């Protein structure tokens, strides 16, 4: 019963947490205190800390365009480093968006796709 009450309290806090500009991320003031913003991993269906607050903080922004489709698997193995983490478009140049990268296993700035209508 106690576990159920804790779960209900956590869901209530998460639902009341402020939402970020980026649809794949959310910010929280709830525990754990070591993460300012969480990002969705579309491959694993989970979330991970994409902004622990230790680096420079960019203003939240939403850039035009769309992220490229992410690959369900990484075609290359052994990649240990790459572009820096981003938690929203504000960390990226105007011509880029903060998108999930399967090979890096985190969000990073990628060139946008502009849909033609």
PDB file of N, CA and C in Angstrom:
ATOM      1  N   UNK A   1       0.821  -1.190   0.000  1.00  0.00           N
ATOM      2  CA  UNK A   1       0.000   0.000   0.000  1.00  0.00           C
ATOM      3  C   UNK A   1       0.868   1.258   0.000  1.00  0.00           C
ATOM      4  N   UNK A   2       1.956   1.221   0.778  1.00  0.00           N
ATOM      5  CA  UNK A   2       2.858   2.370   0.844  1.00  0.00           C
ATOM      6  C   UNK A   2       3.494   2.607  -0.525  1.00  0.00           C
ATOM      7  N   UNK A   3       3.887   1.521  -1.202  1.00  0.00           N
ATOM      8  CA  UNK A   3       4.487   1.654  -2.533  1.00  0.00           C
ATOM      9  C   UNK A   3       3.503   2.291  -3.505  1.00  0.00           C
ATOM     10  N   UNK A   4       2.240   1.914  -3.413  1.00  0.00           N
ATOM     11  CA  UNK A   4       1.218   2.492  -4.283  1.00  0.00           C
ATOM     12  C   UNK A   4       1.062   3.980  -4.015  1.00  0.00           C
ATOM     13  N   UNK A   5       1.057   4.383  -2.758  1.00  0.00           N
ATOM     14  CA  UNK A   5       0.941   5.801  -2.416  1.00  0.00           C
ATOM     15  C   UNK A   5       2.143   6.590  -2.920  1.00  0.00           C
ATOM     16  N   UNK A   6       3.334   6.005  -2.813  1.00  0.00           N
ATOM     17  CA  UNK A   6       4.536   6.676  -3.317  1.00  0.00           C
ATOM     18  C   UNK A   6       4.447   6.832  -4.827  1.00  0.00           C
ATOM     19  N   UNK A   7       4.001   5.785  -5.526  1.00  0.00           N
ATOM     20  CA  UNK A   7       3.860   5.847  -6.980  1.00  0.00           C
ATOM     21  C   UNK A   7       2.854   6.918  -7.386  1.00  0.00           C
ATOM     22  N   UNK A   8       1.729   6.982  -6.713  1.00  0.00           N
ATOM     23  CA  UNK A   8       0.719   8.003  -7.007  1.00  0.00           C
ATOM     24  C   UNK A   8       1.292   9.396  -6.775  1.00  0.00           C
ATOM     25  N   UNK A   9       2.047   9.579  -5.702  1.00  0.00           N
ATOM     26  CA  UNK A   9       2.658  10.881  -5.418  1.00  0.00           C
ATOM     27  C   UNK A   9       3.658  11.255  -6.500  1.00  0.00           C
ATOM     28  N   UNK A  10       4.460  10.293  -6.962  1.00  0.00           N
ATOM     29  CA  UNK A  10       5.446  10.575  -8.009  1.00  0.00           C
ATOM     30  C   UNK A  10       4.768  10.951  -9.318  1.00  0.00           C
ATOM     31  N   UNK A  11       3.707  10.248  -9.679  1.00  0.00           N
ATOM     32  CA  UNK A  11       2.977  10.563 -10.908  1.00  0.00           C
ATOM     33  C   UNK A  11       2.351  11.945 -10.804  1.00  0.00           C
ATOM     34  N   UNK A  12       1.809  12.277  -9.645  1.00  0.00           N
ATOM     35  CA  UNK A  12       1.204  13.593  -9.447  1.00  0.00           C
ATOM     36  C   UNK A  12       2.239  14.695  -9.597  1.00  0.00           C
ATOM     37  N   UNK A  13       3.415  14.519  -9.015  1.00  0.00           N
ATOM     38  CA  UNK A  13       4.482  15.516  -9.126  1.00  0.00           C
ATOM     39  C   UNK A  13       4.942  15.632 -10.569  1.00  0.00           C
ATOM     40  N   UNK A  14       5.112  14.497 -11.244  1.00  0.00           N
ATOM     41  CA  UNK A  14       5.564  14.518 -12.643  1.00  0.00           C
ATOM     42  C   UNK A  14       4.535  15.201 -13.530  1.00  0.00           C
ATOM     43  N   UNK A  15       3.258  14.946 -13.296  1.00  0.00           N
ATOM     44  CA  UNK A  15       2.212  15.567 -14.100  1.00  0.00           C
ATOM     45  C   UNK A  15       2.141  17.065 -13.859  1.00  0.00           C
ATOM     46  N   UNK A  16       2.496  17.505 -12.682  1.00  0.00           N
ATOM     47  CA  UNK A  16       2.441  18.930 -12.354  1.00  0.00           C
ATOM     48  C   UNK A  16       3.730  19.659 -12.699  1.00  0.00           C
ATOM     49  N   UNK A  17       4.771  18.915 -13.111  1.00  0.00           N
ATOM     50  CA  UNK A  17       6.057  19.539 -13.424  1.00  0.00           C
ATOM     51  C   UNK A  17       5.943  20.403 -14.663  1.00  0.00           C
ATOM     52  N   UNK A  18       6.712  21.491 -14.716  1.00  0.00           N
ATOM     53  CA  UNK A  18       6.669  22.345 -15.891  1.00  0.00           C
ATOM     54  C   UNK A  18       7.157  21.601 -17.120  1.00  0.00           C
ATOM     55  N   UNK A  19       6.568  21.879 -18.254  1.00  0.00           N
ATOM     56  CA  UNK A  19       6.950  21.253 -19.511  1.00  0.00           C
ATOM     57  C   UNK A  19       7.902  22.164 -20.259  1.00  0.00           C
ATOM     58  N   UNK A  20       8.821  21.562 -20.985  1.00  0.00           N
ATOM     59  CA  UNK A  20       9.777  22.345 -21.754  1.00  0.00           C
ATOM     60  C   UNK A  20       9.194  22.703 -23.107  1.00  0.00           C
ATOM     61  N   UNK A  21       9.904  23.547 -23.832  1.00  0.00           N
ATOM     62  CA  UNK A  21       9.498  23.924 -25.176  1.00  0.00           C
ATOM     63  C   UNK A  21       9.609  22.728 -26.106  1.00  0.00           C
ATOM     64  N   UNK A  22      10.605  21.891 -25.922  1.00  0.00           N
ATOM     65  CA  UNK A  22      10.844  20.745 -26.790  1.00  0.00           C
ATOM     66  C   UNK A  22       9.889  19.626 -26.418  1.00  0.00           C
ATOM     67  N   UNK A  23       9.141  19.056 -27.390  1.00  0.00           N
ATOM     68  CA  UNK A  23       8.134  18.043 -27.059  1.00  0.00           C
ATOM     69  C   UNK A  23       8.703  16.731 -26.541  1.00  0.00           C
ATOM     70  N   UNK A  24       9.990  16.477 -26.777  1.00  0.00           N
ATOM     71  CA  UNK A  24      10.588  15.231 -26.313  1.00  0.00           C
ATOM     72  C   UNK A  24      11.316  15.376 -24.991  1.00  0.00           C
ATOM     73  N   UNK A  25      11.147  16.497 -24.313  1.00  0.00           N
ATOM     74  CA  UNK A  25      11.819  16.700 -23.039  1.00  0.00           C
ATOM     75  C   UNK A  25      10.843  17.244 -22.012  1.00  0.00           C
ATOM     76  N   UNK A  26      11.201  17.136 -20.754  1.00  0.00           N
ATOM     77  CA  UNK A  26      10.440  17.801 -19.707  1.00  0.00           C
ATOM     78  C   UNK A  26      11.371  18.199 -18.588  1.00  0.00           C
ATOM     79  N   UNK A  27      11.023  19.281 -17.933  1.00  0.00           N
ATOM     80  CA  UNK A  27      11.813  19.754 -16.807  1.00  0.00           C
ATOM     81  C   UNK A  27      11.104  19.370 -15.524  1.00  0.00           C
ATOM     82  N   UNK A  28      11.858  19.339 -14.465  1.00  0.00           N
ATOM     83  CA  UNK A  28      11.258  18.968 -13.194  1.00  0.00           C
ATOM     84  C   UNK A  28      11.990  19.646 -12.046  1.00  0.00           C
ATOM     85  N   UNK A  29      11.257  19.919 -11.008  1.00  0.00           N
ATOM     86  CA  UNK A  29      11.862  20.400  -9.772  1.00  0.00           C
ATOM     87  C   UNK A  29      11.804  19.292  -8.727  1.00  0.00           C
ATOM     88  N   UNK A  30      11.270  18.135  -9.135  1.00  0.00           N
ATOM     89  CA  UNK A  30      11.167  16.994  -8.229  1.00  0.00           C
ATOM     90  C   UNK A  30      12.472  16.209  -8.230  1.00  0.00           C
ATOM     91  N   UNK A  31      12.598  15.295  -7.278  1.00  0.00           N
ATOM     92  CA  UNK A  31      13.796  14.451  -7.200  1.00  0.00           C
ATOM     93  C   UNK A  31      13.936  13.652  -8.487  1.00  0.00           C
ATOM     94  N   UNK A  32      15.130  13.281  -8.917  1.00  0.00           N
ATOM     95  CA  UNK A  32      16.383  13.600  -8.266  1.00  0.00           C
ATOM     96  C   UNK A  32      16.845  15.015  -8.586  1.00  0.00           C
ATOM     97  N   UNK A  33      17.505  15.633  -7.655  1.00  0.00           N
ATOM     98  CA  UNK A  33      17.958  17.016  -7.791  1.00  0.00           C
ATOM     99  C   UNK A  33      19.116  17.160  -8.774  1.00  0.00           C
ATOM    100  N   UNK A  34      19.742  16.072  -9.156  1.00  0.00           N
ATOM    101  CA  UNK A  34      20.891  16.159 -10.045  1.00  0.00           C
ATOM    102  C   UNK A  34      20.512  16.202 -11.522  1.00  0.00           C
ATOM    103  N   UNK A  35      19.245  16.380 -11.855  1.00  0.00           N
ATOM    104  CA  UNK A  35      18.826  16.477 -13.251  1.00  0.00           C
ATOM    105  C   UNK A  35      17.812  17.605 -13.406  1.00  0.00           C
ATOM    106  N   UNK A  36      18.099  18.529 -14.325  1.00  0.00           N
ATOM    107  CA  UNK A  36      17.179  19.635 -14.585  1.00  0.00           C
ATOM    108  C   UNK A  36      16.185  19.313 -15.682  1.00  0.00           C
ATOM    109  N   UNK A  37      16.586  18.479 -16.626  1.00  0.00           N
ATOM    110  CA  UNK A  37      15.710  18.191 -17.758  1.00  0.00           C
ATOM    111  C   UNK A  37      15.907  16.751 -18.222  1.00  0.00           C
ATOM    112  N   UNK A  38      14.794  16.098 -18.507  1.00  0.00           N
ATOM    113  CA  UNK A  38      14.786  14.712 -18.959  1.00  0.00           C
ATOM    114  C   UNK A  38      14.383  14.669 -20.420  1.00  0.00           C
ATOM    115  N   UNK A  39      14.989  13.777 -21.200  1.00  0.00           N
ATOM    116  CA  UNK A  39      14.668  13.603 -22.616  1.00  0.00           C
ATOM    117  C   UNK A  39      14.160  12.187 -22.850  1.00  0.00           C
ATOM    118  N   UNK A  40      13.292  12.049 -23.850  1.00  0.00           N
ATOM    119  CA  UNK A  40      12.774  10.737 -24.214  1.00  0.00           C
ATOM    120  C   UNK A  40      13.749  10.031 -25.147  1.00  0.00           C
ATOM    121  N   UNK A  41      13.967   8.758 -24.906  1.00  0.00           N
ATOM    122  CA  UNK A  41      14.715   7.903 -25.814  1.00  0.00           C
ATOM    123  C   UNK A  41      13.670   7.153 -26.627  1.00  0.00           C
ATOM    124  N   UNK A  42      13.443   7.548 -27.899  1.00  0.00           N
ATOM    125  CA  UNK A  42      12.377   6.927 -28.682  1.00  0.00           C
ATOM    126  C   UNK A  42      12.660   5.473 -29.044  1.00  0.00           C
ATOM    127  N   UNK A  43      13.900   5.045 -28.993  1.00  0.00           N
ATOM    128  CA  UNK A  43      14.251   3.668 -29.322  1.00  0.00           C
ATOM    129  C   UNK A  43      13.921   2.739 -28.156  1.00  0.00           C
ATOM    130  N   UNK A  44      14.316   3.146 -26.951  1.00  0.00           N
ATOM    131  CA  UNK A  44      14.112   2.314 -25.766  1.00  0.00           C
ATOM    132  C   UNK A  44      12.781   2.590 -25.076  1.00  0.00           C
ATOM    133  N   UNK A  45      12.114   3.688 -25.445  1.00  0.00           N
ATOM    134  CA  UNK A  45      10.862   4.037 -24.790  1.00  0.00           C
ATOM    135  C   UNK A  45      11.053   4.463 -23.351  1.00  0.00           C
ATOM    136  N   UNK A  46      12.215   5.003 -23.046  1.00  0.00           N
ATOM    137  CA  UNK A  46      12.522   5.421 -21.680  1.00  0.00           C
ATOM    138  C   UNK A  46      12.935   6.887 -21.685  1.00  0.00           C
ATOM    139  N   UNK A  47      13.294   7.408 -20.528  1.00  0.00           N
ATOM    140  CA  UNK A  47      13.799   8.772 -20.419  1.00  0.00           C
ATOM    141  C   UNK A  47      15.187   8.740 -19.795  1.00  0.00           C
ATOM    142  N   UNK A  48      15.956   9.776 -20.046  1.00  0.00           N
ATOM    143  CA  UNK A  48      17.287   9.890 -19.462  1.00  0.00           C
ATOM    144  C   UNK A  48      17.551  11.353 -19.158  1.00  0.00           C
ATOM    145  N   UNK A  49      18.496  11.617 -18.277  1.00  0.00           N
ATOM    146  CA  UNK A  49      18.841  12.986 -17.917  1.00  0.00           C
ATOM    147  C   UNK A  49      19.656  13.596 -19.049  1.00  0.00           C
ATOM    148  N   UNK A  50      19.120  14.632 -19.691  1.00  0.00           N
ATOM    149  CA  UNK A  50      19.831  15.278 -20.797  1.00  0.00           C
ATOM    150  C   UNK A  50      20.337  16.663 -20.408  1.00  0.00           C
ATOM    151  N   UNK A  51      20.096  17.082 -19.180  1.00  0.00           N
ATOM    152  CA  UNK A  51      20.630  18.352 -18.686  1.00  0.00           C
ATOM    153  C   UNK A  51      20.778  18.244 -17.177  1.00  0.00           C
ATOM    154  N   UNK A  52      22.014  18.021 -16.745  1.00  0.00           N
ATOM    155  CA  UNK A  52      22.244  17.882 -15.302  1.00  0.00           C
ATOM    156  C   UNK A  52      22.554  19.212 -14.630  1.00  0.00           C
ATOM    157  N   UNK A  53      22.558  20.292 -15.411  1.00  0.00           N
ATOM    158  CA  UNK A  53      22.758  21.620 -14.853  1.00  0.00           C
ATOM    159  C   UNK A  53      24.202  22.012 -14.642  1.00  0.00           C
ATOM    160  N   UNK A  54      25.159  21.168 -15.037  1.00  0.00           N
ATOM    161  CA  UNK A  54      26.557  21.488 -14.782  1.00  0.00           C
ATOM    162  C   UNK A  54      27.171  22.384 -15.851  1.00  0.00           C
ATOM    163  N   UNK A  55      26.630  22.381 -17.051  1.00  0.00           N
ATOM    164  CA  UNK A  55      27.183  23.206 -18.132  1.00  0.00           C
ATOM    165  C   UNK A  55      26.435  24.520 -18.259  1.00  0.00           C
ATOM    166  N   UNK A  56      26.835  25.330 -19.243  1.00  0.00           N
ATOM    167  CA  UNK A  56      26.115  26.579 -19.487  1.00  0.00           C
ATOM    168  C   UNK A  56      24.664  26.276 -19.861  1.00  0.00           C
ATOM    169  N   UNK A  57      23.753  27.085 -19.387  1.00  0.00           N
ATOM    170  CA  UNK A  57      22.334  26.874 -19.649  1.00  0.00           C
ATOM    171  C   UNK A  57      21.864  27.808 -20.763  1.00  0.00           C
ATOM    172  N   UNK A  58      21.264  27.244 -21.796  1.00  0.00           N
ATOM    173  CA  UNK A  58      20.744  28.026 -22.918  1.00  0.00           C
ATOM    174  C   UNK A  58      19.273  28.330 -22.674  1.00  0.00           C
ATOM    175  N   UNK A  59      18.811  29.433 -23.251  1.00  0.00           N
ATOM    176  CA  UNK A  59      17.395  29.772 -23.163  1.00  0.00           C
ATOM    177  C   UNK A  59      16.588  28.770 -23.974  1.00  0.00           C
ATOM    178  N   UNK A  60      15.452  28.357 -23.447  1.00  0.00           N
ATOM    179  CA  UNK A  60      14.593  27.416 -24.157  1.00  0.00           C
ATOM    180  C   UNK A  60      14.119  28.049 -25.453  1.00  0.00           C
ATOM    181  N   UNK A  61      14.138  27.278 -26.516  1.00  0.00           N
ATOM    182  CA  UNK A  61      13.768  27.780 -27.831  1.00  0.00           C
ATOM    183  C   UNK A  61      13.209  26.625 -28.645  1.00  0.00           C
ATOM    184  N   UNK A  62      12.422  26.929 -29.656  1.00  0.00           N
ATOM    185  CA  UNK A  62      11.884  25.932 -30.576  1.00  0.00           C
ATOM    186  C   UNK A  62      12.189  26.401 -31.985  1.00  0.00           C
ATOM    187  N   UNK A  63      13.022  25.661 -32.710  1.00  0.00           N
ATOM    188  CA  UNK A  63      13.399  26.031 -34.067  1.00  0.00           C
ATOM    189  C   UNK A  63      12.425  25.435 -35.079  1.00  0.00           C
ATOM    190  N   UNK A  64      12.329  26.081 -36.233  1.00  0.00           N
ATOM    191  CA  UNK A  64      11.488  25.578 -37.313  1.00  0.00           C
ATOM    192  C   UNK A  64      12.076  24.290 -37.869  1.00  0.00           C
ATOM    193  N   UNK A  65      11.247  23.505 -38.534  1.00  0.00           N
ATOM    194  CA  UNK A  65      11.699  22.276 -39.163  1.00  0.00           C
ATOM    195  C   UNK A  65      11.458  21.067 -38.283  1.00  0.00           C
ATOM    196  N   UNK A  66      11.891  19.930 -38.785  1.00  0.00           N
ATOM    197  CA  UNK A  66      11.694  18.660 -38.090  1.00  0.00           C
ATOM    198  C   UNK A  66      13.019  17.930 -37.936  1.00  0.00           C
ATOM    199  N   UNK A  67      13.076  17.081 -36.932  1.00  0.00           N
ATOM    200  CA  UNK A  67      14.251  16.225 -36.759  1.00  0.00           C
ATOM    201  C   UNK A  67      14.239  15.147 -37.840  1.00  0.00           C
ATOM    202  N   UNK A  68      15.427  14.726 -38.293  1.00  0.00           N
ATOM    203  CA  UNK A  68      15.450  13.578 -39.200  1.00  0.00           C
ATOM    204  C   UNK A  68      14.947  12.344 -38.461  1.00  0.00           C
ATOM    205  N   UNK A  69      14.400  11.379 -39.205  1.00  0.00           N
ATOM    206  CA  UNK A  69      13.946  10.143 -38.564  1.00  0.00           C
ATOM    207  C   UNK A  69      15.141   9.457 -37.914  1.00  0.00           C
ATOM    208  N   UNK A  70      14.936   9.000 -36.678  1.00  0.00           N
ATOM    209  CA  UNK A  70      16.037   8.316 -35.998  1.00  0.00           C
ATOM    210  C   UNK A  70      16.079   6.857 -36.446  1.00  0.00           C
ATOM    211  N   UNK A  71      17.262   6.311 -36.436  1.00  0.00           N
ATOM    212  CA  UNK A  71      17.446   4.907 -36.790  1.00  0.00           C
ATOM    213  C   UNK A  71      17.124   4.062 -35.571  1.00  0.00           C
ATOM    214  N   UNK A  72      16.461   2.936 -35.767  1.00  0.00           N
ATOM    215  CA  UNK A  72      16.176   2.078 -34.613  1.00  0.00           C
ATOM    216  C   UNK A  72      17.430   1.409 -34.062  1.00  0.00           C
ATOM    217  N   UNK A  73      18.450   1.247 -34.894  1.00  0.00           N
ATOM    218  CA  UNK A  73      19.721   0.672 -34.451  1.00  0.00           C
ATOM    219  C   UNK A  73      20.854   1.486 -35.043  1.00  0.00           C
ATOM    220  N   UNK A  74      21.994   1.430 -34.406  1.00  0.00           N
ATOM    221  CA  UNK A  74      23.171   2.140 -34.890  1.00  0.00           C
ATOM    222  C   UNK A  74      23.939   1.236 -35.850  1.00  0.00           C
ATOM    223  N   UNK A  75      24.218   1.704 -37.073  1.00  0.00           N
ATOM    224  CA  UNK A  75      24.939   0.859 -38.022  1.00  0.00           C
ATOM    225  C   UNK A  75      26.425   0.728 -37.698  1.00  0.00           C
ATOM    226  N   UNK A  76      26.944   1.593 -36.828  1.00  0.00           N
ATOM    227  CA  UNK A  76      28.362   1.559 -36.467  1.00  0.00           C
ATOM    228  C   UNK A  76      28.500   1.190 -34.999  1.00  0.00           C
ATOM    229  N   UNK A  77      29.537   0.465 -34.694  1.00  0.00           N
ATOM    230  CA  UNK A  77      29.821   0.106 -33.299  1.00  0.00           C
ATOM    231  C   UNK A  77      31.087   0.803 -32.845  1.00  0.00           C
ATOM    232  N   UNK A  78      31.243   0.954 -31.552  1.00  0.00           N
ATOM    233  CA  UNK A  78      32.480   1.486 -30.998  1.00  0.00           C
ATOM    234  C   UNK A  78      32.549   2.989 -30.893  1.00  0.00           C
ATOM    235  N   UNK A  79      31.465   3.693 -31.166  1.00  0.00           N
ATOM    236  CA  UNK A  79      31.482   5.152 -31.031  1.00  0.00           C
ATOM    237  C   UNK A  79      31.436   5.486 -29.547  1.00  0.00           C
ATOM    238  N   UNK A  80      32.420   6.210 -29.098  1.00  0.00           N
ATOM    239  CA  UNK A  80      32.468   6.539 -27.672  1.00  0.00           C
ATOM    240  C   UNK A  80      32.314   8.024 -27.413  1.00  0.00           C
ATOM    241  N   UNK A  81      32.443   8.843 -28.453  1.00  0.00           N
ATOM    242  CA  UNK A  81      32.272  10.277 -28.248  1.00  0.00           C
ATOM    243  C   UNK A  81      31.623  10.875 -29.483  1.00  0.00           C
ATOM    244  N   UNK A  82      31.168  12.076 -29.345  1.00  0.00           N
ATOM    245  CA  UNK A  82      30.516  12.745 -30.457  1.00  0.00           C
ATOM    246  C   UNK A  82      30.060  14.112 -30.025  1.00  0.00           C
ATOM    247  N   UNK A  83      29.094  14.659 -30.735  1.00  0.00           N
ATOM    248  CA  UNK A  83      28.588  15.979 -30.378  1.00  0.00           C
ATOM    249  C   UNK A  83      28.066  16.020 -28.943  1.00  0.00           C
ATOM    250  N   UNK A  84      28.060  17.201 -28.386  1.00  0.00           N
ATOM    251  CA  UNK A  84      27.627  17.385 -27.002  1.00  0.00           C
ATOM    252  C   UNK A  84      26.124  17.173 -26.851  1.00  0.00           C
ATOM    253  N   UNK A  85      25.728  16.895 -25.630  1.00  0.00           N
ATOM    254  CA  UNK A  85      24.308  16.788 -25.295  1.00  0.00           C
ATOM    255  C   UNK A  85      23.587  18.102 -25.528  1.00  0.00           C
ATOM    256  N   UNK A  86      22.321  18.010 -25.892  1.00  0.00           N
ATOM    257  CA  UNK A  86      21.444  19.182 -25.872  1.00  0.00           C
ATOM    258  C   UNK A  86      20.135  18.721 -25.258  1.00  0.00           C
ATOM    259  N   UNK A  87      19.450  19.617 -24.604  1.00  0.00           N
ATOM    260  CA  UNK A  87      18.165  19.251 -24.015  1.00  0.00           C
ATOM    261  C   UNK A  87      17.010  19.976 -24.688  1.00  0.00           C
ATOM    262  N   UNK A  88      17.317  20.969 -25.507  1.00  0.00           N
ATOM    263  CA  UNK A  88      16.299  21.652 -26.309  1.00  0.00           C
ATOM    264  C   UNK A  88      16.999  22.435 -27.407  1.00  0.00           C
ATOM    265  N   UNK A  89      16.215  22.965 -28.339  1.00  0.00           N
ATOM    266  CA  UNK A  89      16.759  23.656 -29.509  1.00  0.00           C
ATOM    267  C   UNK A  89      17.599  24.877 -29.155  1.00  0.00           C
ATOM    268  N   UNK A  90      17.416  25.444 -27.985  1.00  0.00           N
ATOM    269  CA  UNK A  90      18.171  26.621 -27.584  1.00  0.00           C
ATOM    270  C   UNK A  90      19.676  26.386 -27.521  1.00  0.00           C
ATOM    271  N   UNK A  91      20.094  25.134 -27.419  1.00  0.00           N
ATOM    272  CA  UNK A  91      21.515  24.798 -27.410  1.00  0.00           C
ATOM    273  C   UNK A  91      22.085  24.695 -28.830  1.00  0.00           C
ATOM    274  N   UNK A  92      21.226  24.729 -29.839  1.00  0.00           N
ATOM    275  CA  UNK A  92      21.628  24.496 -31.227  1.00  0.00           C
ATOM    276  C   UNK A  92      21.597  25.786 -32.039  1.00  0.00           C
ATOM    277  N   UNK A  93      22.311  25.778 -33.180  1.00  0.00           N
ATOM    278  CA  UNK A  93      22.239  26.894 -34.113  1.00  0.00           C
ATOM    279  C   UNK A  93      20.831  26.957 -34.679  1.00  0.00           C
ATOM    280  N   UNK A  94      20.458  28.114 -35.244  1.00  0.00           N
ATOM    281  CA  UNK A  94      19.111  28.287 -35.781  1.00  0.00           C
ATOM    282  C   UNK A  94      18.770  27.274 -36.870  1.00  0.00           C
ATOM    283  N   UNK A  95      19.759  26.773 -37.577  1.00  0.00           N
ATOM    284  CA  UNK A  95      19.521  25.821 -38.663  1.00  0.00           C
ATOM    285  C   UNK A  95      19.508  24.369 -38.173  1.00  0.00           C
ATOM    286  N   UNK A  96      19.540  24.173 -36.864  1.00  0.00           N
ATOM    287  CA  UNK A  96      19.569  22.825 -36.286  1.00  0.00           C
ATOM    288  C   UNK A  96      18.489  22.672 -35.227  1.00  0.00           C
ATOM    289  N   UNK A  97      18.180  21.410 -34.901  1.00  0.00           N
ATOM    290  CA  UNK A  97      17.247  21.076 -33.831  1.00  0.00           C
ATOM    291  C   UNK A  97      17.912  20.063 -32.904  1.00  0.00           C
ATOM    292  N   UNK A  98      17.454  20.021 -31.682  1.00  0.00           N
ATOM    293  CA  UNK A  98      17.939  19.051 -30.703  1.00  0.00           C
ATOM    294  C   UNK A  98      17.149  17.757 -30.913  1.00  0.00           C
ATOM    295  N   UNK A  99      17.810  16.727 -31.446  1.00  0.00           N
ATOM    296  CA  UNK A  99      17.151  15.483 -31.838  1.00  0.00           C
ATOM    297  C   UNK A  99      17.878  14.278 -31.241  1.00  0.00           C
ATOM    298  N   UNK A 100      17.144  13.197 -31.034  1.00  0.00           N
ATOM    299  CA  UNK A 100      17.757  11.979 -30.504  1.00  0.00           C
ATOM    300  C   UNK A 100      18.640  11.337 -31.563  1.00  0.00           C
ATOM    301  N   UNK A 101      19.795  10.845 -31.156  1.00  0.00           N
ATOM    302  CA  UNK A 101      20.717  10.138 -32.038  1.00  0.00           C
ATOM    303  C   UNK A 101      20.944   8.738 -31.479  1.00  0.00           C
ATOM    304  N   UNK A 102      20.559   7.727 -32.253  1.00  0.00           N
ATOM    305  CA  UNK A 102      20.662   6.343 -31.800  1.00  0.00           C
ATOM    306  C   UNK A 102      22.103   5.939 -31.521  1.00  0.00           C
ATOM    307  N   UNK A 103      23.024   6.358 -32.387  1.00  0.00           N
ATOM    308  CA  UNK A 103      24.426   5.950 -32.216  1.00  0.00           C
ATOM    309  C   UNK A 103      25.057   6.565 -30.972  1.00  0.00           C
ATOM    310  N   UNK A 104      24.693   7.801 -30.673  1.00  0.00           N
ATOM    311  CA  UNK A 104      25.252   8.481 -29.504  1.00  0.00           C
ATOM    312  C   UNK A 104      24.453   8.188 -28.241  1.00  0.00           C
ATOM    313  N   UNK A 105      23.217   7.709 -28.412  1.00  0.00           N
ATOM    314  CA  UNK A 105      22.310   7.380 -27.313  1.00  0.00           C
ATOM    315  C   UNK A 105      21.961   8.600 -26.469  1.00  0.00           C
ATOM    316  N   UNK A 106      21.881   9.762 -27.122  1.00  0.00           N
ATOM    317  CA  UNK A 106      21.407  10.980 -26.469  1.00  0.00           C
ATOM    318  C   UNK A 106      20.976  11.985 -27.532  1.00  0.00           C
ATOM    319  N   UNK A 107      20.335  13.066 -27.100  1.00  0.00           N
ATOM    320  CA  UNK A 107      19.935  14.140 -28.008  1.00  0.00           C
ATOM    321  C   UNK A 107      21.157  14.974 -28.372  1.00  0.00           C
ATOM    322  N   UNK A 108      21.242  15.379 -29.629  1.00  0.00           N
ATOM    323  CA  UNK A 108      22.330  16.215 -30.110  1.00  0.00           C
ATOM    324  C   UNK A 108      21.795  17.130 -31.208  1.00  0.00           C
ATOM    325  N   UNK A 109      22.503  18.199 -31.520  1.00  0.00           N
ATOM    326  CA  UNK A 109      22.060  19.131 -32.558  1.00  0.00           C
ATOM    327  C   UNK A 109      22.237  18.495 -33.930  1.00  0.00           C
ATOM    328  N   UNK A 110      21.153  18.515 -34.719  1.00  0.00           N
ATOM    329  CA  UNK A 110      21.174  17.964 -36.074  1.00  0.00           C
ATOM    330  C   UNK A 110      20.560  18.973 -37.029  1.00  0.00           C
ATOM    331  N   UNK A 111      20.996  18.929 -38.289  1.00  0.00           N
ATOM    332  CA  UNK A 111      20.416  19.794 -39.314  1.00  0.00           C
ATOM    333  C   UNK A 111      18.936  19.477 -39.450  1.00  0.00           C
ATOM    334  N   UNK A 112      18.124  20.523 -39.605  1.00  0.00           N
ATOM    335  CA  UNK A 112      16.676  20.330 -39.666  1.00  0.00           C
ATOM    336  C   UNK A 112      16.235  19.882 -41.046  1.00  0.00           C
ATOM    337  N   UNK A 113      15.092  19.225 -41.068  1.00  0.00           N
ATOM    338  CA  UNK A 113      14.401  18.912 -42.303  1.00  0.00           C
ATOM    339  C   UNK A 113      13.236  19.878 -42.395  1.00  0.00           C
ATOM    340  N   UNK A 114      13.148  20.596 -43.484  1.00  0.00           N
ATOM    341  CA  UNK A 114      12.042  21.531 -43.687  1.00  0.00           C
ATOM    342  C   UNK A 114      11.027  20.849 -44.592  1.00  0.00           C
ATOM    343  N   UNK A 115       9.826  20.569 -44.082  1.00  0.00           N
ATOM    344  CA  UNK A 115       8.825  19.910 -44.925  1.00  0.00           C
ATOM    345  C   UNK A 115       8.357  20.836 -46.048  1.00  0.00           C
ATOM    346  N   UNK A 116       8.194  20.268 -47.237  1.00  0.00           N
ATOM    347  CA  UNK A 116       7.695  21.027 -48.388  1.00  0.00           C
ATOM    348  C   UNK A 116       6.220  20.701 -48.530  1.00  0.00           C
ATOM    349  N   UNK A 117       5.399  21.734 -48.520  1.00  0.00           N
ATOM    350  CA  UNK A 117       3.940  21.528 -48.607  1.00  0.00           C
ATOM    351  C   UNK A 117       3.439  21.938 -49.956  1.00  0.00           C
TER     352      UNK A 117
END
